[in-house]
């Protein structure tokens, strides 16, 4: 869902900068207001004697242009000041609407919402996302030996740590679901739904890059992902075992904080 508050804050900064630029320029321009009578330009000033007007001959085109510029800048600044005040008042009360942010405010009796609530908002519920794709990777099922807190099995200690931290952080995910890319079947380690934004992330953990055949397959997989627009920092997380053959839990936690909770 689009971050309207962020857009407003950015627009406010831009208009504040524009106002400063205009005010800086105004200090270099002659004071006064430009008026026209019978096809001739006059400069209008206000002083202790009241209002005075002075005829501007055609030979002083620079003065005419400068007064025109002053009038334009003053009008623009007034409009910007009106906008800034309106944006400040809006930001005091405006909150980006996240359908799921309403849930904690309802109380315990409302925590298990029916699917219709999610459907009306046009989003996938965590439960529906986790169950809608039942096609799983049946390759080397005997290697699925470690059981996660969530109750499913994974292939390695690093994957176990990733799955458990996702679960403990209430991150919605599926383990090794089947996805199609360019007509080819792939099984990412984790397919993750960032619920508030309804954005999909993939998390691939490569634990045996020291083995040539494994590394070659990993590189092929990443290249196919790239062709499909699945790339690091956008919608793909990649991790690797360290020299001790594992993945530090602090690293997993930082990745979750940066990519999946921010």
Protein backbone atom coordinates (compact mmCIF):
# COMPACT_ATOMS: atom_id res chain seq x y z
CA UNK A 1 0.00 0.00 0.00
CA UNK A 2 1.37 3.40 -1.00
CA UNK A 3 2.98 5.44 1.76
CA UNK A 4 0.88 8.61 1.44
CA UNK A 5 2.33 10.08 4.63
CA UNK A 6 5.84 9.69 3.24
CA UNK A 7 4.78 11.38 0.00
CA UNK A 8 3.31 14.33 1.92
CA UNK A 9 6.43 14.68 4.10
CA UNK A 10 8.64 14.64 1.02
CA UNK A 11 6.46 17.22 -0.74
CA UNK A 12 6.59 19.42 2.36
CA UNK A 13 10.40 19.31 2.35
CA UNK A 14 10.52 20.18 -1.35
CA UNK A 15 8.20 23.16 -0.93
CA UNK A 16 10.15 24.40 2.10
CA UNK A 17 13.31 24.33 0.00
CA UNK A 18 11.53 26.12 -2.85
CA UNK A 19 10.32 28.81 -0.43
CA UNK A 20 13.86 29.38 0.85
CA UNK A 21 15.12 29.74 -2.73
CA UNK A 22 12.42 32.28 -3.56
CA UNK A 23 13.04 34.27 -0.36
CA UNK A 24 16.77 34.39 -1.08
CA UNK A 25 16.08 35.75 -4.55
CA UNK A 26 13.57 38.30 -3.22
CA UNK A 27 16.22 39.94 -1.05
CA UNK A 28 18.11 40.86 -4.22
CA UNK A 29 15.16 42.48 -6.01
CA UNK A 30 13.91 46.07 -5.69
CA UNK A 31 10.87 46.56 -3.50
CA UNK A 32 7.58 47.79 -4.84
CA UNK A 33 4.59 46.70 -6.85
CA UNK A 34 4.20 46.98 -10.59
CA UNK A 35 0.97 48.50 -11.91
CA UNK A 36 -0.16 49.47 -15.39
CA UNK A 37 -2.26 52.49 -16.35
CA UNK A 38 -3.17 53.43 -19.91
CA UNK A 39 -0.50 51.12 -21.26
CA UNK A 40 2.28 52.55 -19.08
CA UNK A 41 4.12 50.93 -16.16
CA UNK A 42 4.23 52.48 -12.70
CA UNK A 43 6.05 51.47 -9.55
CA UNK A 44 3.89 51.57 -6.45
CA UNK A 45 5.50 52.03 -3.03
CA UNK A 46 4.09 52.26 0.46
CA UNK A 47 5.76 54.51 3.04
CA UNK A 48 4.97 56.88 5.91
CA UNK A 49 3.20 59.19 3.49
CA UNK A 50 0.95 56.41 2.27
CA UNK A 51 0.89 55.06 -1.26
CA UNK A 52 3.03 56.61 -3.96
CA UNK A 53 3.35 55.76 -7.64
CA UNK A 54 6.21 56.56 -9.97
CA UNK A 55 6.19 56.35 -13.73
CA UNK A 56 8.70 53.85 -15.19
CA UNK A 57 10.04 54.86 -18.59
CA UNK A 58 10.55 52.19 -21.25
CA UNK A 59 14.30 52.63 -20.93
CA UNK A 60 14.16 50.93 -17.51
CA UNK A 61 13.12 47.51 -18.76
CA UNK A 62 15.33 45.79 -16.19
CA UNK A 63 13.38 47.41 -13.33
CA UNK A 64 10.10 46.36 -14.95
CA UNK A 65 11.32 42.77 -15.25
CA UNK A 66 12.58 42.72 -11.66
CA UNK A 67 9.25 43.99 -10.32
CA UNK A 68 7.44 41.36 -12.37
CA UNK A 69 9.71 38.72 -10.88
CA UNK A 70 9.09 40.07 -7.37
CA UNK A 71 5.34 39.90 -7.87
CA UNK A 72 5.57 36.32 -9.12
CA UNK A 73 7.79 35.21 -6.24
CA UNK A 74 5.65 36.90 -3.57
CA UNK A 75 2.52 35.26 -4.95
CA UNK A 76 4.29 31.89 -5.09
CA UNK A 77 5.54 32.19 -1.50
CA UNK A 78 2.02 32.93 -0.25
CA UNK A 79 0.74 29.83 -2.04
CA UNK A 80 3.56 27.69 -0.63
CA UNK A 81 2.91 28.99 2.89
CA UNK A 82 -0.76 28.02 2.53
CA UNK A 83 0.30 24.57 1.34
CA UNK A 84 2.79 24.10 4.17
CA UNK A 85 0.19 25.01 6.78
CA UNK A 86 -2.29 22.57 5.23
CA UNK A 87 0.29 19.78 5.12
CA UNK A 88 1.36 20.40 8.73
CA UNK A 89 -2.25 20.13 9.89
CA UNK A 90 -2.78 16.99 7.83
CA UNK A 91 0.37 15.31 9.15
CA UNK A 92 -0.71 15.96 12.74
CA UNK A 93 -3.60 13.51 12.36
CA UNK A 94 -3.04 11.52 9.18
CA UNK A 95 -2.04 7.86 9.46
CA UNK A 96 -1.36 5.57 6.54
CA UNK A 97 -4.17 3.06 6.40
CA UNK A 98 -2.95 -0.48 6.88
CA UNK A 99 -5.87 -2.94 7.05
CA UNK A 100 -3.90 -5.17 9.40
CA UNK A 101 -2.97 -2.33 11.75
CA UNK A 102 -6.63 -2.17 12.77
CA UNK A 103 -6.52 -5.72 14.13
CA UNK A 104 -4.56 -5.07 17.38
CA UNK A 105 -6.99 -2.26 18.24
CA UNK A 106 -10.05 -4.52 18.22
CA UNK A 107 -9.33 -6.67 21.25
CA UNK A 108 -8.93 -10.41 21.68
CA UNK A 109 -12.47 -11.29 20.61
CA UNK A 110 -11.77 -10.02 17.07
CA UNK A 111 -8.32 -11.47 16.45
CA UNK A 112 -9.47 -14.36 14.22
CA UNK A 113 -11.07 -12.35 11.42
CA UNK A 114 -13.07 -14.13 8.70
CA UNK A 115 -11.57 -14.28 5.21
CA UNK A 116 -14.22 -11.81 4.00
CA UNK A 117 -12.51 -9.00 5.91
CA UNK A 118 -9.26 -9.57 4.04
CA UNK A 119 -11.06 -10.04 0.72
CA UNK A 120 -12.88 -6.70 1.08
CA UNK A 121 -9.50 -4.99 1.51
CA UNK A 122 -8.06 -6.85 -1.47
CA UNK A 123 -5.31 -8.52 0.53
CA UNK A 124 -4.26 -12.05 1.37
CA UNK A 125 -4.67 -13.17 4.94
CA UNK A 126 -1.59 -14.82 6.49
CA UNK A 127 -3.50 -18.10 6.81
CA UNK A 128 -4.69 -18.07 3.20
CA UNK A 129 -1.21 -17.27 1.89
CA UNK A 130 0.38 -20.14 3.78
CA UNK A 131 -2.18 -22.66 2.52
CA UNK A 132 -2.97 -21.55 -1.04
CA UNK A 133 0.02 -23.26 -2.68
CA UNK A 134 0.38 -26.85 -1.56
CA UNK A 135 2.88 -27.89 -4.26
CA UNK A 136 6.10 -28.60 -2.42
CA UNK A 137 9.59 -29.75 -3.30
CA UNK A 138 9.79 -33.54 -3.08
CA UNK A 139 13.49 -33.66 -4.01
CA UNK A 140 15.54 -35.53 -1.40
CA UNK A 141 12.74 -35.63 1.13
CA UNK A 142 14.94 -37.76 3.34
CA UNK A 143 17.09 -34.66 3.98
CA UNK A 144 14.18 -32.93 5.71
CA UNK A 145 15.31 -33.88 9.19
CA UNK A 146 14.99 -30.77 11.35
CA UNK A 147 11.62 -29.68 12.73
CA UNK A 148 10.83 -25.99 13.10
CA UNK A 149 8.80 -24.36 15.86
CA UNK A 150 6.03 -24.01 13.29
CA UNK A 151 6.03 -27.77 12.85
CA UNK A 152 7.39 -28.38 9.35
CA UNK A 153 10.76 -29.92 8.50
CA UNK A 154 13.74 -28.23 6.84
CA UNK A 155 17.05 -29.42 5.42
CA UNK A 156 19.71 -27.64 7.47
CA UNK A 157 20.49 -25.93 10.75
CA UNK A 158 20.70 -22.57 8.99
CA UNK A 159 17.26 -23.03 7.42
CA UNK A 160 15.95 -24.07 10.83
CA UNK A 161 17.25 -20.84 12.36
CA UNK A 162 15.75 -18.74 9.55
CA UNK A 163 12.35 -20.46 9.78
CA UNK A 164 12.22 -20.15 13.56
CA UNK A 165 13.10 -16.47 13.56
CA UNK A 166 10.53 -15.78 10.86
CA UNK A 167 7.91 -17.55 12.95
CA UNK A 168 8.88 -15.83 16.20
CA UNK A 169 8.73 -12.45 14.45
CA UNK A 170 5.26 -13.33 13.12
CA UNK A 171 6.46 -13.17 9.52
CA UNK A 172 4.17 -15.06 7.15
CA UNK A 173 6.09 -17.54 4.99
CA UNK A 174 5.99 -20.80 3.05
CA UNK A 175 8.87 -23.25 2.91
CA UNK A 176 9.98 -24.52 -0.51
CA UNK A 177 6.76 -23.71 -2.40
CA UNK A 178 6.62 -24.35 -6.12
CA UNK A 179 6.85 -21.25 -8.31
CA UNK A 180 7.00 -20.92 -12.10
CA UNK A 181 9.49 -18.60 -13.77
CA UNK A 182 9.57 -18.53 -17.56
CA UNK A 183 7.79 -21.87 -17.67
CA UNK A 184 10.40 -23.44 -15.38
CA UNK A 185 9.72 -24.82 -11.92
CA UNK A 186 11.70 -23.51 -8.95
CA UNK A 187 11.49 -24.10 -5.22
CA UNK A 188 12.80 -21.10 -3.26
CA UNK A 189 13.78 -21.89 0.31
CA UNK A 190 11.29 -19.36 1.68
CA UNK A 191 8.51 -17.37 0.05
CA UNK A 192 7.57 -14.54 2.40
CA UNK A 193 4.53 -12.29 2.45
CA UNK A 194 5.21 -8.85 3.87
CA UNK A 195 1.61 -8.50 4.94
CA UNK A 196 1.13 -4.72 5.35
CA UNK A 197 2.47 -4.05 1.85
CA UNK A 198 1.25 -7.32 0.33
CA UNK A 199 4.75 -7.68 -1.08
CA UNK A 200 6.43 -11.01 -1.81
CA UNK A 201 10.05 -11.65 -0.83
CA UNK A 202 12.10 -14.75 -1.57
CA UNK A 203 14.84 -15.93 0.78
CA UNK A 204 17.45 -18.30 -0.57
CA UNK A 205 20.06 -19.75 1.74
CA UNK A 206 23.05 -21.24 -0.04
CA UNK A 207 24.83 -23.52 2.37
CA UNK A 208 27.15 -25.54 0.16
CA UNK A 209 28.73 -23.04 -2.23
CA UNK A 210 32.04 -24.86 -1.85
CA UNK A 211 30.67 -27.72 -3.96
CA UNK A 212 31.00 -26.95 -7.72
CA UNK A 213 27.76 -28.64 -8.79
CA UNK A 214 25.77 -26.93 -6.02
CA UNK A 215 27.36 -23.56 -6.80
CA UNK A 216 26.60 -23.92 -10.52
CA UNK A 217 22.94 -24.66 -9.81
CA UNK A 218 22.73 -21.72 -7.39
CA UNK A 219 24.18 -19.34 -9.98
CA UNK A 220 21.74 -20.64 -12.60
CA UNK A 221 18.84 -20.15 -10.20
CA UNK A 222 19.87 -16.59 -9.36
CA UNK A 223 20.23 -15.74 -13.05
CA UNK A 224 16.71 -17.01 -13.78
CA UNK A 225 15.45 -15.01 -10.82
CA UNK A 226 17.17 -11.90 -12.18
CA UNK A 227 15.47 -12.31 -15.57
CA UNK A 228 12.12 -12.41 -13.77
CA UNK A 229 12.87 -9.27 -11.74
CA UNK A 230 13.62 -11.12 -8.52
CA UNK A 231 16.79 -9.38 -7.36
CA UNK A 232 18.61 -8.55 -4.10
CA UNK A 233 17.54 -5.42 -2.18
CA UNK A 234 14.22 -5.41 -4.03
CA UNK A 235 12.49 -8.71 -3.37
CA UNK A 236 15.25 -11.29 -2.86
CA UNK A 237 17.29 -12.13 0.23
CA UNK A 238 20.35 -14.35 -0.14
CA UNK A 239 22.43 -15.75 2.71
CA UNK A 240 25.40 -18.09 2.86
CA UNK A 241 27.02 -20.31 5.45
CA UNK A 242 30.12 -18.84 7.05
CA UNK A 243 33.49 -20.56 7.40
CA UNK A 244 32.10 -22.56 10.31
CA UNK A 245 29.29 -23.96 8.19
CA UNK A 246 26.49 -21.95 9.78
CA UNK A 247 24.56 -18.69 9.72
CA UNK A 248 24.80 -16.32 12.66
CA UNK A 249 21.44 -15.71 14.36
CA UNK A 250 22.23 -12.00 14.73
CA UNK A 251 22.63 -11.76 10.96
CA UNK A 252 19.22 -13.37 10.46
CA UNK A 253 17.67 -10.98 12.97
CA UNK A 254 19.16 -7.91 11.26
CA UNK A 255 17.95 -9.07 7.85
CA UNK A 256 14.42 -9.54 9.18
CA UNK A 257 14.46 -6.10 10.80
CA UNK A 258 15.72 -4.35 7.66
CA UNK A 259 13.78 -6.13 4.92
CA UNK A 260 10.69 -7.64 6.49
CA UNK A 261 9.73 -5.46 9.46
CA UNK A 262 10.66 -1.93 8.39
